[in-house]
Amino acid sequence: MWAEAEADLGVDVIAPYRVDTIDCSAYFPQFGDRSGSPRGTLVLVGDLFDYYWQHARELGALGYLASFWGCRVYDRDAFIEPLTEYGWLGPIESAPGWYREFRDD
Protein backbone atom coordinates (compact mmCIF):
# COMPACT_ATOMS: atom_id res chain seq x y z
CA MET A 1 0.00 0.00 0.00
CA TRP A 2 2.71 2.51 0.94
CA ALA A 3 4.89 1.91 -2.13
CA GLU A 4 1.83 2.26 -4.33
CA ALA A 5 0.93 5.56 -2.65
CA GLU A 6 4.48 6.86 -3.04
CA ALA A 7 4.56 6.02 -6.75
CA ASP A 8 1.06 7.25 -7.54
CA LEU A 9 1.12 10.47 -5.49
CA GLY A 10 4.73 11.38 -6.22
CA VAL A 11 5.64 11.98 -2.57
CA ASP A 12 8.10 10.44 -0.12
CA VAL A 13 6.73 7.65 2.06
CA ILE A 14 8.92 5.69 4.44
CA ALA A 15 7.25 2.54 5.73
CA PRO A 16 7.46 1.20 8.29
CA TYR A 17 9.02 3.93 10.42
CA ARG A 18 10.21 4.04 14.02
CA VAL A 19 10.62 7.06 16.30
CA ASP A 20 12.52 6.19 19.44
CA THR A 21 10.60 3.13 20.64
CA ILE A 22 7.34 3.91 18.81
CA ASP A 23 6.55 1.83 15.74
CA CYS A 24 4.60 3.67 13.07
CA SER A 25 3.00 2.38 9.89
CA ALA A 26 4.41 5.12 7.64
CA TYR A 27 6.12 8.51 7.60
CA PHE A 28 5.23 11.34 5.22
CA PRO A 29 8.10 13.80 5.76
CA GLN A 30 6.72 16.37 3.31
CA PHE A 31 3.37 16.91 5.06
CA GLY A 32 2.37 18.49 8.36
CA ASP A 33 2.93 22.24 8.22
CA ARG A 34 -0.66 23.28 8.90
CA SER A 35 -0.75 21.25 12.08
CA GLY A 36 2.42 22.85 13.42
CA SER A 37 4.42 19.67 12.95
CA PRO A 38 7.63 20.65 11.18
CA ARG A 39 9.04 17.11 11.10
CA GLY A 40 6.19 15.63 9.07
CA THR A 41 3.33 13.22 9.57
CA LEU A 42 3.46 9.75 11.07
CA VAL A 43 0.62 7.46 10.05
CA LEU A 44 -0.59 4.84 12.45
CA VAL A 45 -2.81 2.09 11.04
CA GLY A 46 -4.27 -0.86 12.84
CA ASP A 47 -6.31 -2.07 15.74
CA LEU A 48 -3.96 -0.81 18.44
CA PHE A 49 -5.71 2.52 18.92
CA ASP A 50 -4.90 2.71 22.65
CA TYR A 51 -1.20 2.13 21.94
CA TYR A 52 -1.13 4.87 19.33
CA TRP A 53 -3.19 7.29 21.35
CA GLN A 54 -0.85 7.07 24.34
CA HIS A 55 2.08 8.03 22.08
CA ALA A 56 0.39 10.84 20.12
CA ARG A 57 1.41 13.51 22.65
CA GLU A 58 5.01 12.27 22.75
CA LEU A 59 5.23 12.31 18.95
CA GLY A 60 3.77 15.83 18.90
CA ALA A 61 6.40 17.01 21.38
CA LEU A 62 9.04 15.67 19.00
CA GLY A 63 7.59 17.77 16.15
CA TYR A 64 5.51 15.12 14.37
CA LEU A 65 1.83 14.89 13.63
CA ALA A 66 0.44 11.49 14.60
CA SER A 67 -2.43 10.58 12.32
CA PHE A 68 -4.69 7.56 12.75
CA TRP A 69 -5.85 6.00 9.46
CA GLY A 70 -8.39 3.23 9.09
CA CYS A 71 -7.42 2.20 5.56
CA ARG A 72 -5.59 -1.03 4.89
CA VAL A 73 -5.43 -0.76 1.09
CA TYR A 74 -4.37 2.13 -1.11
CA ASP A 75 -7.18 4.47 -2.15
CA ARG A 76 -5.97 7.63 -3.89
CA ASP A 77 -8.81 9.87 -2.66
CA ALA A 78 -8.55 8.52 0.89
CA PHE A 79 -4.87 9.51 0.95
CA ILE A 80 -5.20 12.88 -0.81
CA GLU A 81 -7.85 14.20 1.58
CA PRO A 82 -5.85 14.02 4.83
CA LEU A 83 -2.52 14.91 3.23
CA THR A 84 -4.05 18.04 1.71
CA GLU A 85 -5.51 18.91 5.10
CA TYR A 86 -2.14 18.49 6.85
CA GLY A 87 -0.36 20.80 4.44
CA TRP A 88 2.81 20.69 2.33
CA LEU A 89 6.02 21.50 4.19
CA GLY A 90 8.07 22.77 1.26
CA PRO A 91 7.64 25.56 -1.26
CA ILE A 92 4.31 25.24 -3.05
CA GLU A 93 6.14 25.04 -6.37
CA SER A 94 7.66 21.72 -5.29
CA ALA A 95 4.32 20.19 -4.25
CA PRO A 96 2.75 17.53 -6.48
CA GLY A 97 0.11 18.72 -8.93
CA TRP A 98 -2.76 17.02 -7.10
CA TYR A 99 -1.89 18.96 -3.94
CA ARG A 100 -1.85 22.33 -5.70
CA GLU A 101 -5.17 21.43 -7.33
CA PHE A 102 -7.02 20.32 -4.18
CA ARG A 103 -5.65 22.54 -1.43
CA ASP A 104 -8.09 25.08 0.00
CA ASP A 105 -5.88 27.98 1.05
Foldseek 3Di string as FASTA:
>chain_A
DQVVCCVVQVFDKDAFDDDPHDTFGIWGQFFAVVVQQNRGETEHEDDPVVSQVVCQVVVVVVRYHYHYDHDDDDDNVSVLVVRLVRDTNDDPVPGGPVSVVPHDD
